[in-house]
Amino acid sequence: MESVKMFYTIGEVADMFKVNTSLIRFWEKEFDVIKPQRNKKGNRLFTASDVDYFHQIYHLVKEQGFTLQGAKERLKIKTTGETDPKFEAVKTLKSVKIFLLNLKENL
């Protein structure tokens, strides 16, 4: 399964979603909920919470076809901490798929 780290670099986050780092930087500017920390060199360090927001943004924009404005409004509705049940189901199914594919490879 996937390992849990305290911080992820911009390259690691981009690799998770198979997108360019420029898209990650763009989403960081567009969505106020993503607030990466920076190290002494100025490199972005994203927390697991930030990565979870990227998952939601990716799901809304790339998979559901929302506009950026629509995704922003959807995320604002969820400021109470509740998440979209469909998003959670898709996320769980993807992790099960990865697990099963890894299991198949090991057989």
PDB file of N, CA and C in Angstrom:
ATOM      1  N   MET A   1       0.856  -1.180   0.000  1.00  0.00           N
ATOM      2  CA  MET A   1       0.000   0.000   0.000  1.00  0.00           C
ATOM      3  C   MET A   1       0.898   1.237   0.000  1.00  0.00           C
ATOM      4  N   GLU A   2       0.290   2.397   0.063  1.00  0.00           N
ATOM      5  CA  GLU A   2       1.078   3.612  -0.023  1.00  0.00           C
ATOM      6  C   GLU A   2       1.607   4.003   1.355  1.00  0.00           C
ATOM      7  N   SER A   3       2.811   4.521   1.392  1.00  0.00           N
ATOM      8  CA  SER A   3       3.409   4.926   2.652  1.00  0.00           C
ATOM      9  C   SER A   3       2.947   6.334   3.010  1.00  0.00           C
ATOM     10  N   VAL A   4       2.884   6.580   4.309  1.00  0.00           N
ATOM     11  CA  VAL A   4       2.440   7.883   4.787  1.00  0.00           C
ATOM     12  C   VAL A   4       3.671   8.664   5.230  1.00  0.00           C
ATOM     13  N   LYS A   5       3.863   9.823   4.634  1.00  0.00           N
ATOM     14  CA  LYS A   5       4.978  10.686   4.964  1.00  0.00           C
ATOM     15  C   LYS A   5       4.432  11.958   5.589  1.00  0.00           C
ATOM     16  N   MET A   6       5.291  12.677   6.286  1.00  0.00           N
ATOM     17  CA  MET A   6       4.862  13.948   6.855  1.00  0.00           C
ATOM     18  C   MET A   6       4.765  15.016   5.775  1.00  0.00           C
ATOM     19  N   PHE A   7       5.744  15.034   4.869  1.00  0.00           N
ATOM     20  CA  PHE A   7       5.771  16.042   3.823  1.00  0.00           C
ATOM     21  C   PHE A   7       6.085  15.407   2.482  1.00  0.00           C
ATOM     22  N   TYR A   8       5.511  15.982   1.441  1.00  0.00           N
ATOM     23  CA  TYR A   8       5.740  15.529   0.071  1.00  0.00           C
ATOM     24  C   TYR A   8       6.267  16.705  -0.735  1.00  0.00           C
ATOM     25  N   THR A   9       7.239  16.450  -1.595  1.00  0.00           N
ATOM     26  CA  THR A   9       7.751  17.506  -2.467  1.00  0.00           C
ATOM     27  C   THR A   9       6.769  17.712  -3.619  1.00  0.00           C
ATOM     28  N   ILE A  10       6.951  18.795  -4.339  1.00  0.00           N
ATOM     29  CA  ILE A  10       6.060  19.087  -5.460  1.00  0.00           C
ATOM     30  C   ILE A  10       6.191  18.015  -6.541  1.00  0.00           C
ATOM     31  N   GLY A  11       7.391  17.484  -6.721  1.00  0.00           N
ATOM     32  CA  GLY A  11       7.603  16.421  -7.701  1.00  0.00           C
ATOM     33  C   GLY A  11       6.859  15.144  -7.328  1.00  0.00           C
ATOM     34  N   GLU A  12       6.877  14.805  -6.033  1.00  0.00           N
ATOM     35  CA  GLU A  12       6.160  13.615  -5.574  1.00  0.00           C
ATOM     36  C   GLU A  12       4.655  13.772  -5.770  1.00  0.00           C
ATOM     37  N   VAL A  13       4.145  14.952  -5.469  1.00  0.00           N
ATOM     38  CA  VAL A  13       2.711  15.200  -5.640  1.00  0.00           C
ATOM     39  C   VAL A  13       2.345  15.136  -7.117  1.00  0.00           C
ATOM     40  N   ALA A  14       3.158  15.727  -7.963  1.00  0.00           N
ATOM     41  CA  ALA A  14       2.892  15.691  -9.405  1.00  0.00           C
ATOM     42  C   ALA A  14       2.911  14.257  -9.921  1.00  0.00           C
ATOM     43  N   ASP A  15       3.844  13.446  -9.430  1.00  0.00           N
ATOM     44  CA  ASP A  15       3.911  12.042  -9.839  1.00  0.00           C
ATOM     45  C   ASP A  15       2.685  11.258  -9.395  1.00  0.00           C
ATOM     46  N   MET A  16       2.146  11.589  -8.229  1.00  0.00           N
ATOM     47  CA  MET A  16       0.954  10.896  -7.732  1.00  0.00           C
ATOM     48  C   MET A  16      -0.211  11.020  -8.715  1.00  0.00           C
ATOM     49  N   PHE A  17      -0.328  12.197  -9.330  1.00  0.00           N
ATOM     50  CA  PHE A  17      -1.454  12.466 -10.220  1.00  0.00           C
ATOM     51  C   PHE A  17      -1.066  12.403 -11.692  1.00  0.00           C
ATOM     52  N   LYS A  18       0.206  12.122 -11.954  1.00  0.00           N
ATOM     53  CA  LYS A  18       0.716  12.050 -13.329  1.00  0.00           C
ATOM     54  C   LYS A  18       0.448  13.354 -14.094  1.00  0.00           C
ATOM     55  N   VAL A  19       0.783  14.479 -13.438  1.00  0.00           N
ATOM     56  CA  VAL A  19       0.639  15.804 -14.040  1.00  0.00           C
ATOM     57  C   VAL A  19       1.971  16.538 -13.899  1.00  0.00           C
ATOM     58  N   ASN A  20       2.096  17.663 -14.565  1.00  0.00           N
ATOM     59  CA  ASN A  20       3.293  18.494 -14.470  1.00  0.00           C
ATOM     60  C   ASN A  20       3.309  19.259 -13.145  1.00  0.00           C
ATOM     61  N   THR A  21       4.503  19.601 -12.700  1.00  0.00           N
ATOM     62  CA  THR A  21       4.622  20.377 -11.468  1.00  0.00           C
ATOM     63  C   THR A  21       3.993  21.770 -11.628  1.00  0.00           C
ATOM     64  N   SER A  22       3.969  22.265 -12.860  1.00  0.00           N
ATOM     65  CA  SER A  22       3.368  23.584 -13.091  1.00  0.00           C
ATOM     66  C   SER A  22       1.877  23.569 -12.766  1.00  0.00           C
ATOM     67  N   LEU A  23       1.193  22.450 -13.004  1.00  0.00           N
ATOM     68  CA  LEU A  23      -0.226  22.350 -12.666  1.00  0.00           C
ATOM     69  C   LEU A  23      -0.407  22.355 -11.152  1.00  0.00           C
ATOM     70  N   ILE A  24       0.483  21.700 -10.437  1.00  0.00           N
ATOM     71  CA  ILE A  24       0.418  21.690  -8.973  1.00  0.00           C
ATOM     72  C   ILE A  24       0.608  23.105  -8.435  1.00  0.00           C
ATOM     73  N   ARG A  25       1.588  23.831  -8.986  1.00  0.00           N
ATOM     74  CA  ARG A  25       1.798  25.224  -8.575  1.00  0.00           C
ATOM     75  C   ARG A  25       0.576  26.085  -8.896  1.00  0.00           C
ATOM     76  N   PHE A  26      -0.026  25.864 -10.063  1.00  0.00           N
ATOM     77  CA  PHE A  26      -1.205  26.627 -10.468  1.00  0.00           C
ATOM     78  C   PHE A  26      -2.363  26.357  -9.509  1.00  0.00           C
ATOM     79  N   TRP A  27      -2.616  25.090  -9.204  1.00  0.00           N
ATOM     80  CA  TRP A  27      -3.705  24.756  -8.278  1.00  0.00           C
ATOM     81  C   TRP A  27      -3.431  25.327  -6.891  1.00  0.00           C
ATOM     82  N   GLU A  28      -2.176  25.363  -6.489  1.00  0.00           N
ATOM     83  CA  GLU A  28      -1.824  25.940  -5.191  1.00  0.00           C
ATOM     84  C   GLU A  28      -2.235  27.410  -5.128  1.00  0.00           C
ATOM     85  N   LYS A  29      -1.988  28.144  -6.236  1.00  0.00           N
ATOM     86  CA  LYS A  29      -2.363  29.561  -6.280  1.00  0.00           C
ATOM     87  C   LYS A  29      -3.880  29.742  -6.334  1.00  0.00           C
ATOM     88  N   GLU A  30      -4.564  28.871  -7.069  1.00  0.00           N
ATOM     89  CA  GLU A  30      -6.002  29.015  -7.290  1.00  0.00           C
ATOM     90  C   GLU A  30      -6.849  28.609  -6.091  1.00  0.00           C
ATOM     91  N   PHE A  31      -6.398  27.615  -5.341  1.00  0.00           N
ATOM     92  CA  PHE A  31      -7.201  27.085  -4.239  1.00  0.00           C
ATOM     93  C   PHE A  31      -6.567  27.471  -2.909  1.00  0.00           C
ATOM     94  N   ASP A  32      -7.313  28.251  -2.122  1.00  0.00           N
ATOM     95  CA  ASP A  32      -6.800  28.768  -0.851  1.00  0.00           C
ATOM     96  C   ASP A  32      -6.596  27.691   0.206  1.00  0.00           C
ATOM     97  N   VAL A  33      -7.234  26.541   0.045  1.00  0.00           N
ATOM     98  CA  VAL A  33      -7.138  25.495   1.064  1.00  0.00           C
ATOM     99  C   VAL A  33      -5.771  24.824   1.072  1.00  0.00           C
ATOM    100  N   ILE A  34      -5.006  24.975   0.004  1.00  0.00           N
ATOM    101  CA  ILE A  34      -3.684  24.361  -0.079  1.00  0.00           C
ATOM    102  C   ILE A  34      -2.640  25.385   0.368  1.00  0.00           C
ATOM    103  N   LYS A  35      -1.984  25.062   1.475  1.00  0.00           N
ATOM    104  CA  LYS A  35      -0.993  25.973   2.034  1.00  0.00           C
ATOM    105  C   LYS A  35       0.276  25.190   2.357  1.00  0.00           C
ATOM    106  N   PRO A  36       1.141  24.995   1.371  1.00  0.00           N
ATOM    107  CA  PRO A  36       2.357  24.218   1.645  1.00  0.00           C
ATOM    108  C   PRO A  36       3.343  24.993   2.519  1.00  0.00           C
ATOM    109  N   GLN A  37       4.096  24.242   3.288  1.00  0.00           N
ATOM    110  CA  GLN A  37       5.189  24.847   4.031  1.00  0.00           C
ATOM    111  C   GLN A  37       6.376  24.931   3.087  1.00  0.00           C
ATOM    112  N   ARG A  38       7.363  25.703   3.474  1.00  0.00           N
ATOM    113  CA  ARG A  38       8.562  25.822   2.641  1.00  0.00           C
ATOM    114  C   ARG A  38       9.794  25.575   3.508  1.00  0.00           C
ATOM    115  N   ASN A  39      10.769  24.924   2.903  1.00  0.00           N
ATOM    116  CA  ASN A  39      12.018  24.709   3.631  1.00  0.00           C
ATOM    117  C   ASN A  39      12.921  25.924   3.464  1.00  0.00           C
ATOM    118  N   LYS A  40      14.131  25.827   3.979  1.00  0.00           N
ATOM    119  CA  LYS A  40      15.055  26.972   3.923  1.00  0.00           C
ATOM    120  C   LYS A  40      15.403  27.379   2.500  1.00  0.00           C
ATOM    121  N   LYS A  41      15.374  26.424   1.581  1.00  0.00           N
ATOM    122  CA  LYS A  41      15.666  26.728   0.181  1.00  0.00           C
ATOM    123  C   LYS A  41      14.465  27.328  -0.536  1.00  0.00           C
ATOM    124  N   GLY A  42      13.286  27.274   0.078  1.00  0.00           N
ATOM    125  CA  GLY A  42      12.082  27.795  -0.547  1.00  0.00           C
ATOM    126  C   GLY A  42      11.273  26.745  -1.283  1.00  0.00           C
ATOM    127  N   ASN A  43      11.684  25.473  -1.175  1.00  0.00           N
ATOM    128  CA  ASN A  43      10.939  24.389  -1.817  1.00  0.00           C
ATOM    129  C   ASN A  43       9.626  24.136  -1.084  1.00  0.00           C
ATOM    130  N   ARG A  44       8.588  23.842  -1.840  1.00  0.00           N
ATOM    131  CA  ARG A  44       7.282  23.554  -1.254  1.00  0.00           C
ATOM    132  C   ARG A  44       7.285  22.171  -0.624  1.00  0.00           C
ATOM    133  N   LEU A  45       6.689  22.092   0.555  1.00  0.00           N
ATOM    134  CA  LEU A  45       6.514  20.820   1.245  1.00  0.00           C
ATOM    135  C   LEU A  45       5.038  20.675   1.575  1.00  0.00           C
ATOM    136  N   PHE A  46       4.382  19.717   0.932  1.00  0.00           N
ATOM    137  CA  PHE A  46       2.956  19.524   1.088  1.00  0.00           C
ATOM    138  C   PHE A  46       2.676  18.475   2.155  1.00  0.00           C
ATOM    139  N   THR A  47       1.687  18.742   3.006  1.00  0.00           N
ATOM    140  CA  THR A  47       1.288  17.790   4.034  1.00  0.00           C
ATOM    141  C   THR A  47       0.311  16.772   3.441  1.00  0.00           C
ATOM    142  N   ALA A  48      -0.009  15.753   4.213  1.00  0.00           N
ATOM    143  CA  ALA A  48      -0.981  14.751   3.777  1.00  0.00           C
ATOM    144  C   ALA A  48      -2.345  15.411   3.559  1.00  0.00           C
ATOM    145  N   SER A  49      -2.661  16.429   4.345  1.00  0.00           N
ATOM    146  CA  SER A  49      -3.913  17.164   4.180  1.00  0.00           C
ATOM    147  C   SER A  49      -3.935  17.891   2.835  1.00  0.00           C
ATOM    148  N   ASP A  50      -2.814  18.503   2.470  1.00  0.00           N
ATOM    149  CA  ASP A  50      -2.716  19.168   1.168  1.00  0.00           C
ATOM    150  C   ASP A  50      -2.906  18.164   0.037  1.00  0.00           C
ATOM    151  N   VAL A  51      -2.285  16.996   0.176  1.00  0.00           N
ATOM    152  CA  VAL A  51      -2.401  15.954  -0.849  1.00  0.00           C
ATOM    153  C   VAL A  51      -3.852  15.495  -0.972  1.00  0.00           C
ATOM    154  N   ASP A  52      -4.545  15.411   0.166  1.00  0.00           N
ATOM    155  CA  ASP A  52      -5.959  15.026   0.135  1.00  0.00           C
ATOM    156  C   ASP A  52      -6.786  16.068  -0.626  1.00  0.00           C
ATOM    157  N   TYR A  53      -6.468  17.352  -0.424  1.00  0.00           N
ATOM    158  CA  TYR A  53      -7.152  18.401  -1.192  1.00  0.00           C
ATOM    159  C   TYR A  53      -6.838  18.282  -2.678  1.00  0.00           C
ATOM    160  N   PHE A  54      -5.579  17.949  -3.004  1.00  0.00           N
ATOM    161  CA  PHE A  54      -5.235  17.729  -4.413  1.00  0.00           C
ATOM    162  C   PHE A  54      -6.033  16.571  -4.996  1.00  0.00           C
ATOM    163  N   HIS A  55      -6.243  15.522  -4.191  1.00  0.00           N
ATOM    164  CA  HIS A  55      -7.070  14.402  -4.656  1.00  0.00           C
ATOM    165  C   HIS A  55      -8.477  14.887  -4.993  1.00  0.00           C
ATOM    166  N   GLN A  56      -9.042  15.703  -4.111  1.00  0.00           N
ATOM    167  CA  GLN A  56     -10.393  16.210  -4.346  1.00  0.00           C
ATOM    168  C   GLN A  56     -10.437  17.119  -5.571  1.00  0.00           C
ATOM    169  N   ILE A  57      -9.448  18.000  -5.698  1.00  0.00           N
ATOM    170  CA  ILE A  57      -9.406  18.914  -6.843  1.00  0.00           C
ATOM    171  C   ILE A  57      -9.242  18.125  -8.134  1.00  0.00           C
ATOM    172  N   TYR A  58      -8.328  17.158  -8.137  1.00  0.00           N
ATOM    173  CA  TYR A  58      -8.115  16.333  -9.328  1.00  0.00           C
ATOM    174  C   TYR A  58      -9.398  15.601  -9.704  1.00  0.00           C
ATOM    175  N   HIS A  59     -10.068  15.047  -8.704  1.00  0.00           N
ATOM    176  CA  HIS A  59     -11.316  14.322  -8.951  1.00  0.00           C
ATOM    177  C   HIS A  59     -12.369  15.252  -9.561  1.00  0.00           C
ATOM    178  N   LEU A  60     -12.518  16.440  -8.993  1.00  0.00           N
ATOM    179  CA  LEU A  60     -13.536  17.371  -9.485  1.00  0.00           C
ATOM    180  C   LEU A  60     -13.205  17.897 -10.880  1.00  0.00           C
ATOM    181  N   VAL A  61     -11.969  18.305 -11.096  1.00  0.00           N
ATOM    182  CA  VAL A  61     -11.599  18.962 -12.349  1.00  0.00           C
ATOM    183  C   VAL A  61     -11.343  17.962 -13.470  1.00  0.00           C
ATOM    184  N   LYS A  62     -10.523  16.965 -13.203  1.00  0.00           N
ATOM    185  CA  LYS A  62     -10.101  16.052 -14.266  1.00  0.00           C
ATOM    186  C   LYS A  62     -11.086  14.904 -14.504  1.00  0.00           C
ATOM    187  N   GLU A  63     -11.696  14.389 -13.439  1.00  0.00           N
ATOM    188  CA  GLU A  63     -12.566  13.225 -13.594  1.00  0.00           C
ATOM    189  C   GLU A  63     -14.043  13.603 -13.733  1.00  0.00           C
ATOM    190  N   GLN A  64     -14.469  14.622 -13.000  1.00  0.00           N
ATOM    191  CA  GLN A  64     -15.871  15.027 -13.051  1.00  0.00           C
ATOM    192  C   GLN A  64     -16.139  16.139 -14.057  1.00  0.00           C
ATOM    193  N   GLY A  65     -15.102  16.824 -14.519  1.00  0.00           N
ATOM    194  CA  GLY A  65     -15.266  17.860 -15.530  1.00  0.00           C
ATOM    195  C   GLY A  65     -15.708  19.213 -14.991  1.00  0.00           C
ATOM    196  N   PHE A  66     -15.490  19.471 -13.704  1.00  0.00           N
ATOM    197  CA  PHE A  66     -15.846  20.766 -13.134  1.00  0.00           C
ATOM    198  C   PHE A  66     -14.904  21.839 -13.671  1.00  0.00           C
ATOM    199  N   THR A  67     -15.389  23.064 -13.730  1.00  0.00           N
ATOM    200  CA  THR A  67     -14.512  24.197 -14.005  1.00  0.00           C
ATOM    201  C   THR A  67     -13.762  24.505 -12.712  1.00  0.00           C
ATOM    202  N   LEU A  68     -12.738  25.340 -12.813  1.00  0.00           N
ATOM    203  CA  LEU A  68     -12.014  25.706 -11.591  1.00  0.00           C
ATOM    204  C   LEU A  68     -12.929  26.424 -10.614  1.00  0.00           C
ATOM    205  N   GLN A  69     -13.775  27.304 -11.123  1.00  0.00           N
ATOM    206  CA  GLN A  69     -14.700  28.022 -10.253  1.00  0.00           C
ATOM    207  C   GLN A  69     -15.675  27.057  -9.588  1.00  0.00           C
ATOM    208  N   GLY A  70     -16.167  26.099 -10.339  1.00  0.00           N
ATOM    209  CA  GLY A  70     -17.083  25.105  -9.784  1.00  0.00           C
ATOM    210  C   GLY A  70     -16.414  24.259  -8.718  1.00  0.00           C
ATOM    211  N   ALA A  71     -15.157  23.893  -8.943  1.00  0.00           N
ATOM    212  CA  ALA A  71     -14.413  23.111  -7.957  1.00  0.00           C
ATOM    213  C   ALA A  71     -14.170  23.935  -6.691  1.00  0.00           C
ATOM    214  N   LYS A  72     -13.878  25.226  -6.860  1.00  0.00           N
ATOM    215  CA  LYS A  72     -13.682  26.099  -5.698  1.00  0.00           C
ATOM    216  C   LYS A  72     -14.953  26.169  -4.861  1.00  0.00           C
ATOM    217  N   GLU A  73     -16.089  26.336  -5.540  1.00  0.00           N
ATOM    218  CA  GLU A  73     -17.364  26.421  -4.822  1.00  0.00           C
ATOM    219  C   GLU A  73     -17.676  25.106  -4.109  1.00  0.00           C
ATOM    220  N   ARG A  74     -17.388  23.993  -4.758  1.00  0.00           N
ATOM    221  CA  ARG A  74     -17.651  22.686  -4.148  1.00  0.00           C
ATOM    222  C   ARG A  74     -16.779  22.492  -2.905  1.00  0.00           C
ATOM    223  N   LEU A  75     -15.516  22.930  -2.987  1.00  0.00           N
ATOM    224  CA  LEU A  75     -14.628  22.793  -1.836  1.00  0.00           C
ATOM    225  C   LEU A  75     -15.039  23.722  -0.700  1.00  0.00           C
ATOM    226  N   LYS A  76     -15.567  24.904  -1.027  1.00  0.00           N
ATOM    227  CA  LYS A  76     -16.023  25.823   0.015  1.00  0.00           C
ATOM    228  C   LYS A  76     -17.191  25.237   0.791  1.00  0.00           C
ATOM    229  N   ILE A  77     -18.063  24.502   0.103  1.00  0.00           N
ATOM    230  CA  ILE A  77     -19.207  23.872   0.763  1.00  0.00           C
ATOM    231  C   ILE A  77     -18.718  22.862   1.786  1.00  0.00           C
ATOM    232  N   LYS A  78     -17.603  22.232   1.509  1.00  0.00           N
ATOM    233  CA  LYS A  78     -17.087  21.175   2.362  1.00  0.00           C
ATOM    234  C   LYS A  78     -16.138  21.690   3.449  1.00  0.00           C
ATOM    235  N   THR A  79     -16.218  22.940   3.809  1.00  0.00           N
ATOM    236  CA  THR A  79     -15.320  23.482   4.829  1.00  0.00           C
ATOM    237  C   THR A  79     -15.623  22.929   6.208  1.00  0.00           C
ATOM    238  N   THR A  80     -16.761  22.287   6.386  1.00  0.00           N
ATOM    239  CA  THR A  80     -17.100  21.717   7.687  1.00  0.00           C
ATOM    240  C   THR A  80     -16.340  20.427   7.951  1.00  0.00           C
ATOM    241  N   GLY A  81     -15.583  19.941   6.984  1.00  0.00           N
ATOM    242  CA  GLY A  81     -14.799  18.742   7.168  1.00  0.00           C
ATOM    243  C   GLY A  81     -15.427  17.508   6.557  1.00  0.00           C
ATOM    244  N   GLU A  82     -16.662  17.600   6.110  1.00  0.00           N
ATOM    245  CA  GLU A  82     -17.283  16.437   5.490  1.00  0.00           C
ATOM    246  C   GLU A  82     -16.789  16.310   4.061  1.00  0.00           C
ATOM    247  N   THR A  83     -16.690  15.087   3.592  1.00  0.00           N
ATOM    248  CA  THR A  83     -16.218  14.864   2.236  1.00  0.00           C
ATOM    249  C   THR A  83     -17.322  14.242   1.409  1.00  0.00           C
ATOM    250  N   ASP A  84     -17.189  14.381   0.124  1.00  0.00           N
ATOM    251  CA  ASP A  84     -18.167  13.835  -0.809  1.00  0.00           C
ATOM    252  C   ASP A  84     -18.111  12.310  -0.747  1.00  0.00           C
ATOM    253  N   PRO A  85     -19.255  11.638  -0.489  1.00  0.00           N
ATOM    254  CA  PRO A  85     -19.244  10.177  -0.407  1.00  0.00           C
ATOM    255  C   PRO A  85     -18.773   9.514  -1.699  1.00  0.00           C
ATOM    256  N   LYS A  86     -19.112  10.097  -2.848  1.00  0.00           N
ATOM    257  CA  LYS A  86     -18.665   9.531  -4.124  1.00  0.00           C
ATOM    258  C   LYS A  86     -17.150   9.591  -4.228  1.00  0.00           C
ATOM    259  N   PHE A  87     -16.572  10.707  -3.825  1.00  0.00           N
ATOM    260  CA  PHE A  87     -15.123  10.864  -3.873  1.00  0.00           C
ATOM    261  C   PHE A  87     -14.455   9.829  -2.982  1.00  0.00           C
ATOM    262  N   GLU A  88     -14.984   9.659  -1.779  1.00  0.00           N
ATOM    263  CA  GLU A  88     -14.415   8.690  -0.851  1.00  0.00           C
ATOM    264  C   GLU A  88     -14.515   7.273  -1.409  1.00  0.00           C
ATOM    265  N   ALA A  89     -15.640   6.957  -2.050  1.00  0.00           N
ATOM    266  CA  ALA A  89     -15.821   5.622  -2.632  1.00  0.00           C
ATOM    267  C   ALA A  89     -14.817   5.390  -3.762  1.00  0.00           C
ATOM    268  N   VAL A  90     -14.644   6.386  -4.624  1.00  0.00           N
ATOM    269  CA  VAL A  90     -13.692   6.266  -5.735  1.00  0.00           C
ATOM    270  C   VAL A  90     -12.275   6.114  -5.190  1.00  0.00           C
ATOM    271  N   LYS A  91     -11.941   6.877  -4.177  1.00  0.00           N
ATOM    272  CA  LYS A  91     -10.613   6.811  -3.578  1.00  0.00           C
ATOM    273  C   LYS A  91     -10.362   5.418  -2.987  1.00  0.00           C
ATOM    274  N   THR A  92     -11.352   4.876  -2.294  1.00  0.00           N
ATOM    275  CA  THR A  92     -11.225   3.543  -1.713  1.00  0.00           C
ATOM    276  C   THR A  92     -11.096   2.484  -2.791  1.00  0.00           C
ATOM    277  N   LEU A  93     -11.904   2.594  -3.841  1.00  0.00           N
ATOM    278  CA  LEU A  93     -11.838   1.618  -4.924  1.00  0.00           C
ATOM    279  C   LEU A  93     -10.491   1.652  -5.644  1.00  0.00           C
ATOM    280  N   LYS A  94      -9.927   2.845  -5.804  1.00  0.00           N
ATOM    281  CA  LYS A  94      -8.614   2.943  -6.450  1.00  0.00           C
ATOM    282  C   LYS A  94      -7.538   2.275  -5.604  1.00  0.00           C
ATOM    283  N   SER A  95      -7.610   2.463  -4.281  1.00  0.00           N
ATOM    284  CA  SER A  95      -6.607   1.825  -3.422  1.00  0.00           C
ATOM    285  C   SER A  95      -6.779   0.309  -3.427  1.00  0.00           C
ATOM    286  N   VAL A  96      -8.012  -0.184  -3.506  1.00  0.00           N
ATOM    287  CA  VAL A  96      -8.255  -1.627  -3.597  1.00  0.00           C
ATOM    288  C   VAL A  96      -7.709  -2.162  -4.919  1.00  0.00           C
ATOM    289  N   LYS A  97      -7.902  -1.410  -6.001  1.00  0.00           N
ATOM    290  CA  LYS A  97      -7.400  -1.819  -7.311  1.00  0.00           C
ATOM    291  C   LYS A  97      -5.881  -1.944  -7.283  1.00  0.00           C
ATOM    292  N   ILE A  98      -5.217  -0.966  -6.700  1.00  0.00           N
ATOM    293  CA  ILE A  98      -3.758  -1.007  -6.605  1.00  0.00           C
ATOM    294  C   ILE A  98      -3.314  -2.219  -5.788  1.00  0.00           C
ATOM    295  N   PHE A  99      -3.997  -2.460  -4.684  1.00  0.00           N
ATOM    296  CA  PHE A  99      -3.667  -3.608  -3.844  1.00  0.00           C
ATOM    297  C   PHE A  99      -3.834  -4.912  -4.621  1.00  0.00           C
ATOM    298  N   LEU A 100      -4.942  -5.050  -5.340  1.00  0.00           N
ATOM    299  CA  LEU A 100      -5.195  -6.283  -6.087  1.00  0.00           C
ATOM    300  C   LEU A 100      -4.199  -6.475  -7.231  1.00  0.00           C
ATOM    301  N   LEU A 101      -3.834  -5.387  -7.907  1.00  0.00           N
ATOM    302  CA  LEU A 101      -2.837  -5.492  -8.973  1.00  0.00           C
ATOM    303  C   LEU A 101      -1.477  -5.910  -8.421  1.00  0.00           C
ATOM    304  N   ASN A 102      -1.124  -5.370  -7.257  1.00  0.00           N
ATOM    305  CA  ASN A 102       0.144  -5.771  -6.615  1.00  0.00           C
ATOM    306  C   ASN A 102       0.088  -7.236  -6.198  1.00  0.00           C
ATOM    307  N   LEU A 103      -1.045  -7.658  -5.696  1.00  0.00           N
ATOM    308  CA  LEU A 103      -1.226  -9.049  -5.304  1.00  0.00           C
ATOM    309  C   LEU A 103      -1.116  -9.973  -6.512  1.00  0.00           C
ATOM    310  N   LYS A 104      -1.695  -9.569  -7.620  1.00  0.00           N
ATOM    311  CA  LYS A 104      -1.638 -10.359  -8.859  1.00  0.00           C
ATOM    312  C   LYS A 104      -0.202 -10.504  -9.334  1.00  0.00           C
ATOM    313  N   GLU A 105       0.567  -9.423  -9.264  1.00  0.00           N
ATOM    314  CA  GLU A 105       1.964  -9.463  -9.696  1.00  0.00           C
ATOM    315  C   GLU A 105       2.794 -10.416  -8.838  1.00  0.00           C
ATOM    316  N   ASN A 106       2.450 -10.500  -7.558  1.00  0.00           N
ATOM    317  CA  ASN A 106       3.220 -11.334  -6.634  1.00  0.00           C
ATOM    318  C   ASN A 106       2.839 -12.801  -6.696  1.00  0.00           C
ATOM    319  N   LEU A 107       1.764 -13.137  -7.396  1.00  0.00           N
ATOM    320  CA  LEU A 107       1.356 -14.543  -7.481  1.00  0.00           C
ATOM    321  C   LEU A 107       2.138 -15.305  -8.510  1.00  0.00           C
TER     322      LEU A 107
END
